[in-house]
Protein backbone atom coordinates (compact mmCIF):
# COMPACT_ATOMS: atom_id res chain seq x y z
CA UNK A 1 33.14 3.62 -40.21
CA UNK A 2 32.52 7.23 -39.37
CA UNK A 3 30.04 8.63 -36.93
CA UNK A 4 27.29 10.58 -38.64
CA UNK A 5 27.44 13.31 -36.02
CA UNK A 6 30.84 14.77 -36.78
CA UNK A 7 32.21 12.74 -39.71
CA UNK A 8 35.50 11.89 -37.96
CA UNK A 9 34.55 8.57 -36.44
CA UNK A 10 34.94 9.93 -32.91
CA UNK A 11 31.87 10.30 -30.74
CA UNK A 12 31.31 13.70 -29.19
CA UNK A 13 31.96 13.86 -25.42
CA UNK A 14 28.91 13.32 -23.27
CA UNK A 15 28.42 15.30 -20.12
CA UNK A 16 27.73 12.33 -17.84
CA UNK A 17 27.07 14.54 -14.84
CA UNK A 18 24.34 16.43 -16.68
CA UNK A 19 22.82 13.18 -17.92
CA UNK A 20 22.81 11.73 -14.40
CA UNK A 21 21.17 14.90 -13.07
CA UNK A 22 18.44 14.74 -15.73
CA UNK A 23 17.81 11.07 -14.96
CA UNK A 24 17.55 11.84 -11.24
CA UNK A 25 15.04 14.61 -11.97
CA UNK A 26 12.95 12.25 -14.08
CA UNK A 27 12.97 9.51 -11.43
CA UNK A 28 12.06 12.04 -8.72
CA UNK A 29 9.14 13.20 -10.84
CA UNK A 30 7.87 9.70 -11.49
CA UNK A 31 8.23 8.09 -8.08
CA UNK A 32 8.51 10.87 -5.51
CA UNK A 33 6.19 13.57 -6.85
CA UNK A 34 8.96 15.96 -7.85
CA UNK A 35 8.43 18.79 -10.33
CA UNK A 36 8.46 17.81 -14.01
CA UNK A 37 11.86 18.34 -15.62
CA UNK A 38 12.14 20.70 -18.57
CA UNK A 39 11.61 19.13 -21.96
CA UNK A 40 9.13 16.45 -20.88
CA UNK A 41 5.42 16.54 -21.66
CA UNK A 42 3.51 16.95 -18.38
CA UNK A 43 0.52 14.88 -19.52
CA UNK A 44 2.67 11.88 -20.39
CA UNK A 45 4.60 12.22 -17.12
CA UNK A 46 1.32 12.27 -15.18
CA UNK A 47 0.09 9.17 -16.99
CA UNK A 48 3.37 7.36 -16.32
CA UNK A 49 3.30 8.41 -12.65
CA UNK A 50 -0.28 7.10 -12.29
CA UNK A 51 0.65 3.79 -13.93
CA UNK A 52 3.64 3.38 -11.61
CA UNK A 53 1.46 4.12 -8.57
CA UNK A 54 -1.07 1.46 -9.70
CA UNK A 55 1.75 -1.05 -10.15
CA UNK A 56 3.17 -0.16 -6.74
CA UNK A 57 -0.30 -0.51 -5.14
CA UNK A 58 -0.61 -3.99 -6.65
CA UNK A 59 2.77 -5.02 -5.27
CA UNK A 60 1.88 -3.72 -1.80
CA UNK A 61 -1.49 -5.51 -1.95
CA UNK A 62 0.36 -8.80 -2.50
CA UNK A 63 2.24 -8.25 0.78
CA UNK A 64 -0.77 -6.80 2.63
CA UNK A 65 -3.84 -8.61 1.23
CA UNK A 66 -6.09 -8.05 4.25
CA UNK A 67 -5.35 -4.33 4.31
CA UNK A 68 -6.13 -4.05 0.60
CA UNK A 69 -9.29 -6.15 0.94
CA UNK A 70 -10.40 -4.15 3.96
CA UNK A 71 -10.20 -0.93 1.96
CA UNK A 72 -12.02 -2.57 -0.95
CA UNK A 73 -12.62 -0.36 -3.96
CA UNK A 74 -10.90 2.53 -2.20
CA UNK A 75 -7.57 0.68 -2.01
CA UNK A 76 -6.00 2.19 -5.13
CA UNK A 77 -7.02 5.76 -4.37
CA UNK A 78 -6.06 5.48 -0.69
CA UNK A 79 -2.67 4.06 -1.57
CA UNK A 80 -2.06 6.55 -4.39
CA UNK A 81 -2.95 9.47 -2.12
CA UNK A 82 -0.56 8.25 0.54
CA UNK A 83 2.29 7.25 -1.78
CA UNK A 84 2.16 10.14 -4.28
CA UNK A 85 4.98 12.11 -2.66
CA UNK A 86 6.95 9.23 -1.20
CA UNK A 87 9.64 7.14 -2.87
CA UNK A 88 9.17 3.43 -2.30
CA UNK A 89 10.87 1.67 0.57
CA UNK A 90 9.79 -1.73 -0.74
CA UNK A 91 6.34 -3.30 -0.85
CA UNK A 92 6.38 -4.73 2.67
CA UNK A 93 7.55 -1.48 4.24
CA UNK A 94 5.23 0.68 2.12
CA UNK A 95 2.24 -1.35 3.30
CA UNK A 96 3.43 -1.23 6.88
CA UNK A 97 3.87 2.54 6.78
CA UNK A 98 0.46 3.00 5.14
CA UNK A 99 -1.22 0.78 7.75
CA UNK A 100 0.38 2.79 10.54
CA UNK A 101 -0.69 6.06 8.91
CA UNK A 102 -4.27 4.78 8.58
CA UNK A 103 -4.21 3.64 12.24
CA UNK A 104 -3.13 7.12 13.33
CA UNK A 105 -6.02 8.67 11.36
CA UNK A 106 -8.51 6.12 12.71
CA UNK A 107 -9.15 4.84 9.18
CA UNK A 108 -7.59 1.37 9.45
CA UNK A 109 -10.16 -1.31 8.50
CA UNK A 110 -10.58 -4.24 10.95
CA UNK A 111 -8.91 -6.79 8.64
CA UNK A 112 -5.98 -4.41 8.16
CA UNK A 113 -5.74 -3.91 11.94
CA UNK A 114 -5.50 -7.66 12.46
CA UNK A 115 -2.85 -7.96 9.76
CA UNK A 116 -0.85 -5.07 11.24
CA UNK A 117 -1.06 -6.50 14.78
CA UNK A 118 0.15 -9.91 13.54
CA UNK A 119 3.06 -8.32 11.62
CA UNK A 120 4.11 -6.19 14.57
CA UNK A 121 4.02 -9.20 16.89
CA UNK A 122 6.22 -11.22 14.51
CA UNK A 123 8.61 -8.55 13.25
CA UNK A 124 10.36 -5.52 14.65
CA UNK A 125 10.14 -2.45 12.38
CA UNK A 126 11.13 1.07 13.35
CA UNK A 127 10.13 2.79 10.11
CA UNK A 128 13.73 3.33 8.98
CA UNK A 129 15.46 -0.04 8.75
CA UNK A 130 14.23 -3.29 7.24
CA UNK A 131 11.97 -5.40 9.50
CA UNK A 132 13.69 -8.10 11.53
CA UNK A 133 12.24 -11.14 13.34
CA UNK A 134 11.54 -10.89 17.05
CA UNK A 135 13.27 -13.47 19.20
CA UNK A 136 11.40 -13.05 22.45
CA UNK A 137 7.67 -13.37 23.01
CA UNK A 138 5.89 -10.23 21.87
CA UNK A 139 2.42 -8.75 21.85
CA UNK A 140 1.06 -6.11 19.47
CA UNK A 141 -2.16 -4.12 19.22
CA UNK A 142 -3.68 -2.30 16.30
CA UNK A 143 -7.20 -0.99 15.91
CA UNK A 144 -8.50 -3.15 18.77
CA UNK A 145 -6.85 -6.32 17.45
CA UNK A 146 -4.37 -8.09 19.71
CA UNK A 147 -1.76 -10.57 18.46
CA UNK A 148 0.89 -12.48 20.35
CA UNK A 149 4.05 -14.18 19.12
CA UNK A 150 5.58 -17.01 21.10
CA UNK A 151 8.31 -19.30 19.78
CA UNK A 152 7.96 -17.89 16.28
CA UNK A 153 4.21 -18.51 16.00
CA UNK A 154 1.73 -15.66 15.88
CA UNK A 155 -1.80 -16.00 17.21
CA UNK A 156 -4.55 -13.45 17.01
CA UNK A 157 -5.93 -13.24 20.56
CA UNK A 158 -8.62 -10.70 19.87
CA UNK A 159 -9.94 -9.68 16.45
CA UNK A 160 -10.55 -6.05 15.64
CA UNK A 161 -14.08 -4.90 16.36
CA UNK A 162 -16.34 -4.82 13.32
CA UNK A 163 -18.96 -2.14 12.77
CA UNK A 164 -22.46 -3.38 13.60
CA UNK A 165 -24.14 -5.05 10.66
CA UNK A 166 -27.28 -3.54 9.22
CA UNK A 167 -30.44 -5.03 10.66
CA UNK A 168 -32.07 -7.53 8.33
CA UNK A 169 -35.09 -6.26 6.47
CA UNK A 170 -38.45 -7.61 7.46
CA UNK A 171 -40.75 -9.55 5.16
CA UNK A 172 -44.41 -8.67 4.71
CA UNK A 173 -45.27 -9.82 8.26
CA UNK A 174 -42.85 -7.41 9.88
CA UNK A 175 -40.48 -10.19 11.04
CA UNK A 176 -37.13 -11.04 9.48
CA UNK A 177 -36.94 -14.40 7.77
CA UNK A 178 -34.76 -17.23 9.10
CA UNK A 179 -31.93 -16.49 6.65
CA UNK A 180 -31.94 -12.78 7.51
CA UNK A 181 -32.67 -11.78 3.93
CA UNK A 182 -35.34 -9.36 2.86
CA UNK A 183 -36.88 -11.65 0.27
CA UNK A 184 -38.00 -15.26 0.48
CA UNK A 185 -36.86 -17.48 -2.33
CA UNK A 186 -39.73 -19.46 -3.72
CA UNK A 187 -40.13 -22.16 -6.34
């Protein structure tokens, strides 16, 4: 059977180096915020990049559920803003690096601070190599939270401070009801 390209049955030589370079450009564009390679539609690349960032945010949220919950509806945008120009180091490490970045900016939510303190008490992570278990007792602090690890067990000694809750609204008499709600439920 002959190849339709040249009619001789032999396939034309492929420049594997050029192909590898093009693939590397495409991957850099999609996961590390590199410039779009020639010949690709920018709108489709942007949509693919956004989808990959959402998928990556979901994977990180599975490893860091308290951090994601603490950021609430802003989780996806916060993560996407942080991760847009960074290639992934793995879900656990991405979450750890994001939590540390938020701590440095003073934007780490209390639940995320507690989760970070517990992780840093249990594991040693320098930001370059994979986390490894601590063997000796350790203590870690993050955002006011304090965690301690002894004999492989982590305990939260002090939770992160929460912002003061809004004062309950008063009913018609000017006094808050027993449940702290603004409206009485009646039959």
